[in-house]
Every structure is written in structure tokens, then in C-alpha cells.
Amino acid sequence: MYQGQPVPTTVHQSTDPKVSNGRAVQVTVPQNTTISAGKFYLIGGFLGAAMRSVTTGAGETAELVLNIEQAEYETDQILTTDAMAGGADIYWDAANNRFTQAAPGNRYAGRVTLAKDANNVIRFKLADQPGALRQAAAQANSTAGDVAAIVGDFNALLAKLRTAGIIAS
């Protein structure tokens, strides 16, 4: 309360609940995990590039910021036997911490913008984090019939959504 004014005034502090622009998220690194800065990881349901290196031991966890911005990235974390041609859809293989062109059982990650070079490096545009429809399809992706039961032909749906500008290319 301010004193000495003609009308007593009480000031209430209002804080903005927004903590970031959503280009990065803070996640908890589980125990017995080694993270290298600049490499991609799927942690806490978010796929992104680690902003720093972290190593946790038994019974330890650590906080880490993952860059999840829909932007173009460069990486060598790929299945080198995949063609990785420009325009190809890529998926995250969480079991092997790498990008692949194999969809079944893997999470949609984005689209190659510059094909694999002689050093097995690609550029790609990271997709938005999965919405409910894509996540449901990914979880049911064990057989083509499961996906068809949820969304019909999922790749055709993605193409239509991209063409309509609803999701990024």
C-alpha cells in the first residue's frame, strides 16, 4: 500500500506465466545416461538437440535443455545405409539414438532438406512435436492395419496436411 496519496492504493504484482517461446524445453535426464552437446535425444517425450553435455550416474538425474525449435539442423546421427535423399521423411529410432527412413515403430522426426553427403551428414527440418493424431498413429504403428484403423493411409494424410499448409513441410 502506498501512503500519502489522496486515495490509498494497493499494488498487486502480476507475473507473466510464460517462461519461454517454446523453442526449447527443460527435461530430466535419467540415471546412468550420457548426453553429448549438439546431439539429438528423445527425453521426456521431446525430440531435440542437447544444449550441453551431461552424464548421470546410478541414482542421479540432471536437468537439461533440449532445443526443439522447428528449424533446419545438420546431423550425422543417421542410419548410414538409408538413402536419406532430399525431401525424404525421416523418423527417430529411439533404441539406437539415430534418424532413419524406417517408419514402423519409430517417431516421425522431419524431412531431409539436403541429402546425405560423403561424410554421412544430412540437413533436415525438425517437425513439430507430435500432436494427438500423430502420436496415436505412432503408438499404433506396429502394423499397417493399426494405422489404417486410426487415420487411413497416414502418409497420404500427412501429404494432404502439408499441401494445405496445416503442418510444416
N, C-alpha and C. Protein backbone atom coordinates (compact mmCIF):
# COMPACT_ATOMS: atom_id res chain seq x y z
N MET A 1 0.84 -1.16 0.00
CA MET A 1 0.00 0.00 0.00
C MET A 1 0.89 1.23 0.00
N TYR A 2 0.58 2.19 -0.84
CA TYR A 2 1.29 3.46 -0.89
C TYR A 2 0.62 4.43 0.08
N GLN A 3 1.38 5.05 0.94
CA GLN A 3 0.87 6.03 1.90
C GLN A 3 1.04 7.44 1.35
N GLY A 4 0.24 8.34 1.80
CA GLY A 4 0.38 9.74 1.44
C GLY A 4 -0.33 10.12 0.16
N GLN A 5 -1.05 9.24 -0.44
CA GLN A 5 -1.81 9.57 -1.64
C GLN A 5 -3.24 9.93 -1.24
N PRO A 6 -3.94 10.68 -2.11
CA PRO A 6 -5.33 11.02 -1.77
C PRO A 6 -6.20 9.78 -1.59
N VAL A 7 -5.90 8.76 -2.34
CA VAL A 7 -6.64 7.50 -2.22
C VAL A 7 -5.62 6.40 -1.94
N PRO A 8 -5.76 5.66 -0.85
CA PRO A 8 -4.81 4.57 -0.60
C PRO A 8 -4.82 3.57 -1.77
N THR A 9 -3.65 3.16 -2.18
CA THR A 9 -3.51 2.27 -3.33
C THR A 9 -2.75 1.02 -2.92
N THR A 10 -3.29 -0.14 -3.30
CA THR A 10 -2.60 -1.40 -3.08
C THR A 10 -2.13 -1.91 -4.42
N VAL A 11 -0.87 -2.24 -4.54
CA VAL A 11 -0.28 -2.74 -5.78
C VAL A 11 -0.16 -4.25 -5.69
N HIS A 12 -0.69 -4.90 -6.70
CA HIS A 12 -0.58 -6.36 -6.79
C HIS A 12 0.37 -6.68 -7.94
N GLN A 13 1.38 -7.48 -7.66
CA GLN A 13 2.33 -7.87 -8.69
C GLN A 13 1.69 -8.93 -9.58
N SER A 14 1.73 -8.69 -10.87
CA SER A 14 1.21 -9.65 -11.82
C SER A 14 2.37 -10.20 -12.63
N THR A 15 2.52 -11.50 -12.64
CA THR A 15 3.61 -12.09 -13.39
C THR A 15 3.07 -12.77 -14.63
N ASP A 16 3.86 -12.78 -15.64
CA ASP A 16 3.50 -13.45 -16.87
C ASP A 16 3.85 -14.93 -16.71
N PRO A 17 2.89 -15.83 -16.87
CA PRO A 17 3.19 -17.25 -16.68
C PRO A 17 4.06 -17.84 -17.79
N LYS A 18 4.23 -17.12 -18.88
CA LYS A 18 5.06 -17.61 -19.99
C LYS A 18 6.52 -17.65 -19.54
N VAL A 19 7.18 -18.79 -19.77
CA VAL A 19 8.57 -18.92 -19.37
C VAL A 19 9.53 -18.99 -20.56
N SER A 20 9.00 -19.25 -21.77
CA SER A 20 9.86 -19.28 -22.95
C SER A 20 9.01 -19.17 -24.20
N ASN A 21 9.67 -19.09 -25.34
CA ASN A 21 8.98 -19.06 -26.63
C ASN A 21 8.71 -20.45 -27.18
N GLY A 22 9.02 -21.47 -26.41
CA GLY A 22 8.73 -22.84 -26.82
C GLY A 22 9.74 -23.41 -27.79
N ARG A 23 10.87 -22.76 -27.95
CA ARG A 23 11.90 -23.26 -28.86
C ARG A 23 12.80 -24.28 -28.18
N ALA A 24 12.70 -24.32 -26.86
CA ALA A 24 13.50 -25.26 -26.07
C ALA A 24 12.67 -25.65 -24.85
N VAL A 25 12.96 -26.82 -24.32
CA VAL A 25 12.29 -27.29 -23.11
C VAL A 25 13.33 -27.86 -22.16
N GLN A 26 13.02 -27.76 -20.88
CA GLN A 26 13.88 -28.35 -19.87
C GLN A 26 13.35 -29.74 -19.57
N VAL A 27 14.23 -30.74 -19.62
CA VAL A 27 13.86 -32.13 -19.37
C VAL A 27 14.76 -32.71 -18.29
N THR A 28 14.35 -33.82 -17.75
CA THR A 28 15.15 -34.51 -16.74
C THR A 28 15.86 -35.70 -17.38
N VAL A 29 17.16 -35.69 -17.30
CA VAL A 29 17.98 -36.78 -17.83
C VAL A 29 17.96 -37.93 -16.81
N PRO A 30 17.58 -39.12 -17.24
CA PRO A 30 17.51 -40.24 -16.29
C PRO A 30 18.90 -40.70 -15.82
N GLN A 31 18.88 -41.53 -14.81
CA GLN A 31 20.14 -42.05 -14.27
C GLN A 31 20.89 -42.89 -15.29
N ASN A 32 22.20 -42.97 -15.11
CA ASN A 32 23.09 -43.77 -15.95
C ASN A 32 22.97 -43.41 -17.43
N THR A 33 22.99 -42.12 -17.72
CA THR A 33 22.83 -41.63 -19.09
C THR A 33 23.95 -40.66 -19.42
N THR A 34 24.47 -40.76 -20.64
CA THR A 34 25.47 -39.81 -21.14
C THR A 34 24.87 -39.06 -22.32
N ILE A 35 24.89 -37.75 -22.23
CA ILE A 35 24.36 -36.86 -23.26
C ILE A 35 25.51 -36.02 -23.79
N SER A 36 25.60 -35.89 -25.11
CA SER A 36 26.63 -35.06 -25.74
C SER A 36 25.98 -33.81 -26.33
N ALA A 37 26.55 -32.67 -26.05
CA ALA A 37 26.02 -31.41 -26.57
C ALA A 37 25.95 -31.45 -28.09
N GLY A 38 24.85 -30.94 -28.64
CA GLY A 38 24.68 -30.87 -30.08
C GLY A 38 24.11 -32.13 -30.72
N LYS A 39 23.99 -33.20 -29.97
CA LYS A 39 23.40 -34.43 -30.47
C LYS A 39 21.90 -34.45 -30.15
N PHE A 40 21.16 -35.27 -30.89
CA PHE A 40 19.71 -35.36 -30.71
C PHE A 40 19.36 -36.49 -29.77
N TYR A 41 18.30 -36.24 -28.97
CA TYR A 41 17.83 -37.22 -28.00
C TYR A 41 16.32 -37.10 -27.87
N LEU A 42 15.68 -38.19 -27.49
CA LEU A 42 14.27 -38.21 -27.15
C LEU A 42 14.20 -38.41 -25.65
N ILE A 43 13.84 -37.34 -24.94
CA ILE A 43 13.80 -37.38 -23.47
C ILE A 43 12.49 -36.75 -23.02
N GLY A 44 11.80 -37.43 -22.16
CA GLY A 44 10.56 -36.89 -21.62
C GLY A 44 9.51 -36.61 -22.68
N GLY A 45 9.56 -37.36 -23.77
CA GLY A 45 8.59 -37.18 -24.84
C GLY A 45 8.95 -36.09 -25.84
N PHE A 46 10.09 -35.42 -25.66
CA PHE A 46 10.53 -34.37 -26.57
C PHE A 46 11.77 -34.80 -27.34
N LEU A 47 11.75 -34.59 -28.65
CA LEU A 47 12.89 -34.86 -29.51
C LEU A 47 13.57 -33.55 -29.82
N GLY A 48 14.86 -33.45 -29.49
CA GLY A 48 15.57 -32.21 -29.75
C GLY A 48 17.07 -32.36 -29.55
N ALA A 49 17.77 -31.26 -29.81
CA ALA A 49 19.22 -31.23 -29.69
C ALA A 49 19.62 -30.79 -28.28
N ALA A 50 20.53 -31.55 -27.69
CA ALA A 50 21.01 -31.22 -26.34
C ALA A 50 21.85 -29.94 -26.39
N MET A 51 21.59 -29.05 -25.47
CA MET A 51 22.31 -27.78 -25.42
C MET A 51 23.62 -27.87 -24.66
N ARG A 52 23.81 -28.95 -23.90
CA ARG A 52 25.08 -29.15 -23.18
C ARG A 52 25.27 -30.64 -22.93
N SER A 53 26.47 -30.99 -22.56
CA SER A 53 26.77 -32.39 -22.24
C SER A 53 26.42 -32.67 -20.78
N VAL A 54 25.91 -33.85 -20.52
CA VAL A 54 25.52 -34.26 -19.17
C VAL A 54 25.82 -35.74 -19.02
N THR A 55 26.33 -36.13 -17.86
CA THR A 55 26.49 -37.54 -17.53
C THR A 55 25.90 -37.76 -16.15
N THR A 56 25.02 -38.73 -16.04
CA THR A 56 24.44 -39.06 -14.74
C THR A 56 24.87 -40.47 -14.35
N GLY A 57 25.00 -40.67 -13.07
CA GLY A 57 25.36 -41.98 -12.54
C GLY A 57 24.17 -42.68 -11.93
N ALA A 58 24.44 -43.75 -11.22
CA ALA A 58 23.38 -44.51 -10.56
C ALA A 58 22.69 -43.63 -9.52
N GLY A 59 21.37 -43.57 -9.58
CA GLY A 59 20.60 -42.79 -8.62
C GLY A 59 20.64 -41.28 -8.85
N GLU A 60 21.29 -40.83 -9.93
CA GLU A 60 21.39 -39.40 -10.23
C GLU A 60 20.52 -39.04 -11.43
N THR A 61 19.97 -37.85 -11.39
CA THR A 61 19.32 -37.27 -12.55
C THR A 61 19.89 -35.87 -12.72
N ALA A 62 19.63 -35.27 -13.88
CA ALA A 62 20.11 -33.90 -14.12
C ALA A 62 19.12 -33.19 -15.03
N GLU A 63 19.10 -31.89 -14.95
CA GLU A 63 18.25 -31.10 -15.82
C GLU A 63 19.04 -30.73 -17.08
N LEU A 64 18.33 -30.73 -18.21
CA LEU A 64 18.96 -30.46 -19.50
C LEU A 64 17.97 -29.68 -20.36
N VAL A 65 18.49 -28.76 -21.16
CA VAL A 65 17.65 -28.04 -22.10
C VAL A 65 17.82 -28.68 -23.47
N LEU A 66 16.66 -29.05 -24.08
CA LEU A 66 16.63 -29.59 -25.44
C LEU A 66 16.09 -28.52 -26.36
N ASN A 67 16.79 -28.27 -27.46
CA ASN A 67 16.30 -27.34 -28.48
C ASN A 67 15.32 -28.12 -29.36
N ILE A 68 14.05 -27.73 -29.32
CA ILE A 68 13.01 -28.43 -30.09
C ILE A 68 12.43 -27.52 -31.18
N GLU A 69 13.10 -26.43 -31.47
CA GLU A 69 12.59 -25.47 -32.46
C GLU A 69 12.44 -26.11 -33.83
N GLN A 70 11.33 -25.81 -34.50
CA GLN A 70 11.14 -26.27 -35.88
C GLN A 70 12.08 -25.47 -36.76
N ALA A 71 13.25 -26.01 -36.99
CA ALA A 71 14.28 -25.34 -37.76
C ALA A 71 15.05 -26.38 -38.55
N GLU A 72 15.97 -25.90 -39.39
CA GLU A 72 16.81 -26.81 -40.16
C GLU A 72 18.07 -27.11 -39.34
N TYR A 73 18.39 -28.39 -39.25
CA TYR A 73 19.54 -28.86 -38.48
C TYR A 73 20.44 -29.71 -39.37
N GLU A 74 21.66 -29.92 -38.90
CA GLU A 74 22.62 -30.79 -39.58
C GLU A 74 23.04 -31.85 -38.59
N THR A 75 23.12 -33.10 -39.05
CA THR A 75 23.49 -34.19 -38.15
C THR A 75 24.12 -35.35 -38.90
N ASP A 76 24.92 -36.11 -38.16
CA ASP A 76 25.45 -37.37 -38.67
C ASP A 76 24.84 -38.55 -37.90
N GLN A 77 23.83 -38.29 -37.09
CA GLN A 77 23.15 -39.34 -36.33
C GLN A 77 22.12 -40.02 -37.21
N ILE A 78 22.58 -40.74 -38.21
CA ILE A 78 21.68 -41.38 -39.17
C ILE A 78 22.06 -42.84 -39.34
N LEU A 79 21.09 -43.60 -39.82
CA LEU A 79 21.36 -44.96 -40.26
C LEU A 79 22.04 -44.81 -41.62
N THR A 80 23.33 -45.07 -41.69
CA THR A 80 24.11 -44.77 -42.88
C THR A 80 23.72 -45.58 -44.10
N THR A 81 23.01 -46.68 -43.90
CA THR A 81 22.59 -47.48 -45.06
C THR A 81 21.32 -46.93 -45.70
N ASP A 82 20.64 -46.00 -45.05
CA ASP A 82 19.47 -45.36 -45.65
C ASP A 82 19.91 -44.34 -46.69
N ALA A 83 19.12 -44.16 -47.75
CA ALA A 83 19.47 -43.23 -48.83
C ALA A 83 19.52 -41.79 -48.36
N MET A 84 18.57 -41.38 -47.52
CA MET A 84 18.50 -40.02 -46.99
C MET A 84 18.55 -38.97 -48.10
N ALA A 85 17.72 -39.16 -49.13
CA ALA A 85 17.64 -38.21 -50.24
C ALA A 85 16.87 -36.97 -49.81
N GLY A 86 17.12 -35.87 -50.48
CA GLY A 86 16.39 -34.64 -50.20
C GLY A 86 14.89 -34.86 -50.35
N GLY A 87 14.11 -34.35 -49.41
CA GLY A 87 12.66 -34.50 -49.44
C GLY A 87 12.14 -35.74 -48.74
N ALA A 88 13.03 -36.64 -48.34
CA ALA A 88 12.59 -37.88 -47.68
C ALA A 88 12.14 -37.60 -46.25
N ASP A 89 11.07 -38.28 -45.84
CA ASP A 89 10.64 -38.22 -44.45
C ASP A 89 11.62 -39.04 -43.63
N ILE A 90 11.92 -38.55 -42.41
CA ILE A 90 12.79 -39.29 -41.52
C ILE A 90 12.10 -39.48 -40.17
N TYR A 91 12.55 -40.51 -39.47
CA TYR A 91 11.94 -40.92 -38.21
C TYR A 91 13.05 -41.10 -37.18
N TRP A 92 12.68 -40.97 -35.91
CA TRP A 92 13.65 -41.13 -34.82
C TRP A 92 13.59 -42.56 -34.30
N ASP A 93 14.73 -43.24 -34.36
CA ASP A 93 14.89 -44.59 -33.84
C ASP A 93 15.45 -44.44 -32.42
N ALA A 94 14.57 -44.44 -31.42
CA ALA A 94 14.98 -44.19 -30.04
C ALA A 94 15.89 -45.28 -29.50
N ALA A 95 15.71 -46.50 -29.97
CA ALA A 95 16.53 -47.61 -29.47
C ALA A 95 18.00 -47.43 -29.85
N ASN A 96 18.26 -46.76 -30.98
CA ASN A 96 19.63 -46.59 -31.45
C ASN A 96 20.08 -45.13 -31.51
N ASN A 97 19.25 -44.21 -31.01
CA ASN A 97 19.57 -42.77 -31.00
C ASN A 97 20.03 -42.26 -32.36
N ARG A 98 19.17 -42.48 -33.38
CA ARG A 98 19.54 -42.01 -34.71
C ARG A 98 18.29 -41.82 -35.57
N PHE A 99 18.48 -41.10 -36.65
CA PHE A 99 17.40 -40.89 -37.62
C PHE A 99 17.46 -41.99 -38.67
N THR A 100 16.29 -42.39 -39.13
CA THR A 100 16.17 -43.44 -40.12
C THR A 100 15.00 -43.13 -41.05
N GLN A 101 14.93 -43.82 -42.15
CA GLN A 101 13.78 -43.68 -43.03
C GLN A 101 12.73 -44.76 -42.75
N ALA A 102 12.99 -45.63 -41.80
CA ALA A 102 12.05 -46.70 -41.44
C ALA A 102 11.00 -46.16 -40.49
N ALA A 103 9.74 -46.18 -40.93
CA ALA A 103 8.66 -45.62 -40.14
C ALA A 103 8.15 -46.54 -39.02
N PRO A 104 7.95 -47.84 -39.29
CA PRO A 104 7.31 -48.69 -38.27
C PRO A 104 8.05 -48.68 -36.93
N GLY A 105 7.31 -48.34 -35.88
CA GLY A 105 7.88 -48.33 -34.54
C GLY A 105 8.70 -47.11 -34.20
N ASN A 106 8.90 -46.22 -35.14
CA ASN A 106 9.71 -45.03 -34.90
C ASN A 106 8.85 -43.77 -34.95
N ARG A 107 9.35 -42.71 -34.37
CA ARG A 107 8.62 -41.44 -34.27
C ARG A 107 8.97 -40.54 -35.46
N TYR A 108 7.93 -39.97 -36.08
CA TYR A 108 8.16 -39.03 -37.19
C TYR A 108 9.01 -37.87 -36.67
N ALA A 109 10.09 -37.53 -37.40
CA ALA A 109 11.01 -36.50 -36.92
C ALA A 109 11.14 -35.31 -37.86
N GLY A 110 10.87 -35.48 -39.15
CA GLY A 110 11.01 -34.35 -40.06
C GLY A 110 11.27 -34.79 -41.47
N ARG A 111 11.88 -33.88 -42.23
CA ARG A 111 12.12 -34.13 -43.65
C ARG A 111 13.53 -33.67 -44.02
N VAL A 112 14.22 -34.50 -44.79
CA VAL A 112 15.57 -34.19 -45.24
C VAL A 112 15.52 -33.00 -46.19
N THR A 113 16.37 -32.00 -45.94
CA THR A 113 16.45 -30.83 -46.83
C THR A 113 17.69 -30.86 -47.70
N LEU A 114 18.73 -31.51 -47.26
CA LEU A 114 19.95 -31.68 -48.05
C LEU A 114 20.40 -33.12 -47.89
N ALA A 115 20.49 -33.82 -49.01
CA ALA A 115 20.77 -35.26 -49.00
C ALA A 115 22.08 -35.60 -48.30
N LYS A 116 22.16 -36.86 -47.91
CA LYS A 116 23.35 -37.40 -47.25
C LYS A 116 24.58 -37.15 -48.12
N ASP A 117 25.65 -36.65 -47.50
CA ASP A 117 26.89 -36.40 -48.24
C ASP A 117 27.88 -37.54 -48.01
N ALA A 118 29.09 -37.39 -48.52
CA ALA A 118 30.12 -38.42 -48.42
C ALA A 118 30.51 -38.72 -46.97
N ASN A 119 30.25 -37.77 -46.06
CA ASN A 119 30.56 -37.96 -44.64
C ASN A 119 29.36 -38.44 -43.84
N ASN A 120 28.30 -38.87 -44.53
CA ASN A 120 27.07 -39.34 -43.89
C ASN A 120 26.43 -38.26 -43.00
N VAL A 121 26.41 -37.04 -43.51
CA VAL A 121 25.78 -35.91 -42.84
C VAL A 121 24.59 -35.46 -43.67
N ILE A 122 23.49 -35.18 -43.00
CA ILE A 122 22.30 -34.65 -43.67
C ILE A 122 21.92 -33.33 -43.02
N ARG A 123 21.10 -32.58 -43.75
CA ARG A 123 20.38 -31.46 -43.17
C ARG A 123 18.91 -31.85 -43.22
N PHE A 124 18.18 -31.46 -42.19
CA PHE A 124 16.76 -31.78 -42.13
C PHE A 124 16.02 -30.71 -41.37
N LYS A 125 14.73 -30.64 -41.64
CA LYS A 125 13.86 -29.73 -40.90
C LYS A 125 13.14 -30.55 -39.85
N LEU A 126 13.35 -30.19 -38.59
CA LEU A 126 12.72 -30.88 -37.49
C LEU A 126 11.23 -30.58 -37.49
N ALA A 127 10.43 -31.63 -37.38
CA ALA A 127 8.97 -31.49 -37.36
C ALA A 127 8.52 -30.96 -36.01
N ASP A 128 7.29 -30.44 -36.00
CA ASP A 128 6.71 -30.05 -34.72
C ASP A 128 6.57 -31.30 -33.86
N GLN A 129 6.50 -31.10 -32.56
CA GLN A 129 6.36 -32.23 -31.65
C GLN A 129 4.99 -32.86 -31.89
N PRO A 130 4.85 -34.16 -31.78
CA PRO A 130 3.63 -34.85 -32.18
C PRO A 130 2.38 -34.34 -31.48
N GLY A 131 1.35 -34.14 -32.29
CA GLY A 131 0.03 -33.84 -31.75
C GLY A 131 -0.67 -35.14 -31.42
N ALA A 132 -1.88 -35.05 -30.97
CA ALA A 132 -2.61 -36.24 -30.54
C ALA A 132 -2.78 -37.24 -31.68
N LEU A 133 -3.12 -36.76 -32.89
CA LEU A 133 -3.35 -37.67 -34.00
C LEU A 133 -2.07 -38.39 -34.40
N ARG A 134 -0.98 -37.64 -34.57
CA ARG A 134 0.29 -38.26 -34.97
C ARG A 134 0.79 -39.20 -33.89
N GLN A 135 0.67 -38.80 -32.62
CA GLN A 135 1.14 -39.65 -31.53
C GLN A 135 0.34 -40.94 -31.48
N ALA A 136 -0.96 -40.87 -31.66
CA ALA A 136 -1.79 -42.08 -31.66
C ALA A 136 -1.38 -43.00 -32.79
N ALA A 137 -1.13 -42.43 -33.96
CA ALA A 137 -0.71 -43.25 -35.09
C ALA A 137 0.66 -43.86 -34.84
N ALA A 138 1.57 -43.09 -34.26
CA ALA A 138 2.90 -43.61 -33.98
C ALA A 138 2.84 -44.77 -32.98
N GLN A 139 2.00 -44.63 -31.96
CA GLN A 139 1.88 -45.69 -30.96
C GLN A 139 1.26 -46.95 -31.56
N ALA A 140 0.40 -46.77 -32.55
CA ALA A 140 -0.28 -47.91 -33.16
C ALA A 140 0.43 -48.40 -34.41
N ASN A 141 1.63 -47.90 -34.66
CA ASN A 141 2.32 -48.15 -35.93
C ASN A 141 2.94 -49.54 -36.01
N SER A 142 2.55 -50.45 -35.14
CA SER A 142 3.15 -51.78 -35.19
C SER A 142 2.73 -52.54 -36.45
N THR A 143 1.53 -52.24 -36.97
CA THR A 143 1.12 -52.84 -38.23
C THR A 143 0.41 -51.79 -39.07
N ALA A 144 0.45 -51.94 -40.36
CA ALA A 144 -0.22 -51.01 -41.26
C ALA A 144 -1.71 -50.99 -40.98
N GLY A 145 -2.29 -52.11 -40.59
CA GLY A 145 -3.72 -52.17 -40.29
C GLY A 145 -4.09 -51.30 -39.12
N ASP A 146 -3.22 -51.23 -38.09
CA ASP A 146 -3.50 -50.38 -36.93
C ASP A 146 -3.54 -48.92 -37.35
N VAL A 147 -2.58 -48.49 -38.16
CA VAL A 147 -2.54 -47.11 -38.61
C VAL A 147 -3.77 -46.81 -39.47
N ALA A 148 -4.09 -47.72 -40.38
CA ALA A 148 -5.25 -47.51 -41.24
C ALA A 148 -6.52 -47.39 -40.42
N ALA A 149 -6.61 -48.13 -39.34
CA ALA A 149 -7.80 -48.06 -38.50
C ALA A 149 -7.93 -46.70 -37.82
N ILE A 150 -6.80 -46.04 -37.57
CA ILE A 150 -6.84 -44.74 -36.89
C ILE A 150 -7.00 -43.60 -37.87
N VAL A 151 -6.20 -43.58 -38.93
CA VAL A 151 -6.20 -42.41 -39.83
C VAL A 151 -6.24 -42.77 -41.30
N GLY A 152 -6.53 -43.99 -41.64
CA GLY A 152 -6.47 -44.36 -43.05
C GLY A 152 -5.02 -44.49 -43.47
N ASP A 153 -4.69 -44.00 -44.64
CA ASP A 153 -3.32 -44.01 -45.11
C ASP A 153 -2.60 -42.82 -44.50
N PHE A 154 -1.78 -43.05 -43.47
CA PHE A 154 -1.14 -41.98 -42.69
C PHE A 154 -0.24 -41.10 -43.56
N ASN A 155 0.53 -41.70 -44.45
CA ASN A 155 1.40 -40.90 -45.31
C ASN A 155 0.59 -39.99 -46.24
N ALA A 156 -0.52 -40.49 -46.74
CA ALA A 156 -1.39 -39.66 -47.57
C ALA A 156 -1.98 -38.52 -46.76
N LEU A 157 -2.35 -38.80 -45.51
CA LEU A 157 -2.87 -37.75 -44.64
C LEU A 157 -1.81 -36.69 -44.39
N LEU A 158 -0.59 -37.11 -44.10
CA LEU A 158 0.49 -36.14 -43.89
C LEU A 158 0.70 -35.28 -45.12
N ALA A 159 0.68 -35.89 -46.29
CA ALA A 159 0.86 -35.13 -47.54
C ALA A 159 -0.25 -34.10 -47.71
N LYS A 160 -1.48 -34.49 -47.42
CA LYS A 160 -2.61 -33.55 -47.54
C LYS A 160 -2.48 -32.40 -46.54
N LEU A 161 -2.06 -32.71 -45.31
CA LEU A 161 -1.88 -31.67 -44.31
C LEU A 161 -0.76 -30.71 -44.69
N ARG A 162 0.31 -31.24 -45.29
CA ARG A 162 1.40 -30.38 -45.74
C ARG A 162 0.94 -29.49 -46.90
N THR A 163 0.23 -30.07 -47.85
CA THR A 163 -0.25 -29.32 -49.01
C THR A 163 -1.18 -28.19 -48.57
N ALA A 164 -2.00 -28.46 -47.57
CA ALA A 164 -2.94 -27.45 -47.08
C ALA A 164 -2.25 -26.43 -46.18
N GLY A 165 -0.98 -26.65 -45.85
CA GLY A 165 -0.26 -25.72 -45.00
C GLY A 165 -0.58 -25.87 -43.53
N ILE A 166 -1.22 -26.97 -43.15
CA ILE A 166 -1.59 -27.18 -41.75
C ILE A 166 -0.38 -27.61 -40.94
N ILE A 167 0.50 -28.42 -41.53
CA ILE A 167 1.75 -28.78 -40.88
C ILE A 167 2.89 -28.40 -41.80
N ALA A 168 4.05 -28.23 -41.20
CA ALA A 168 5.22 -27.80 -41.96
C ALA A 168 5.72 -28.91 -42.88
N SER A 169 6.29 -28.53 -43.98
CA SER A 169 6.85 -29.50 -44.93
C SER A 169 8.15 -30.05 -44.45
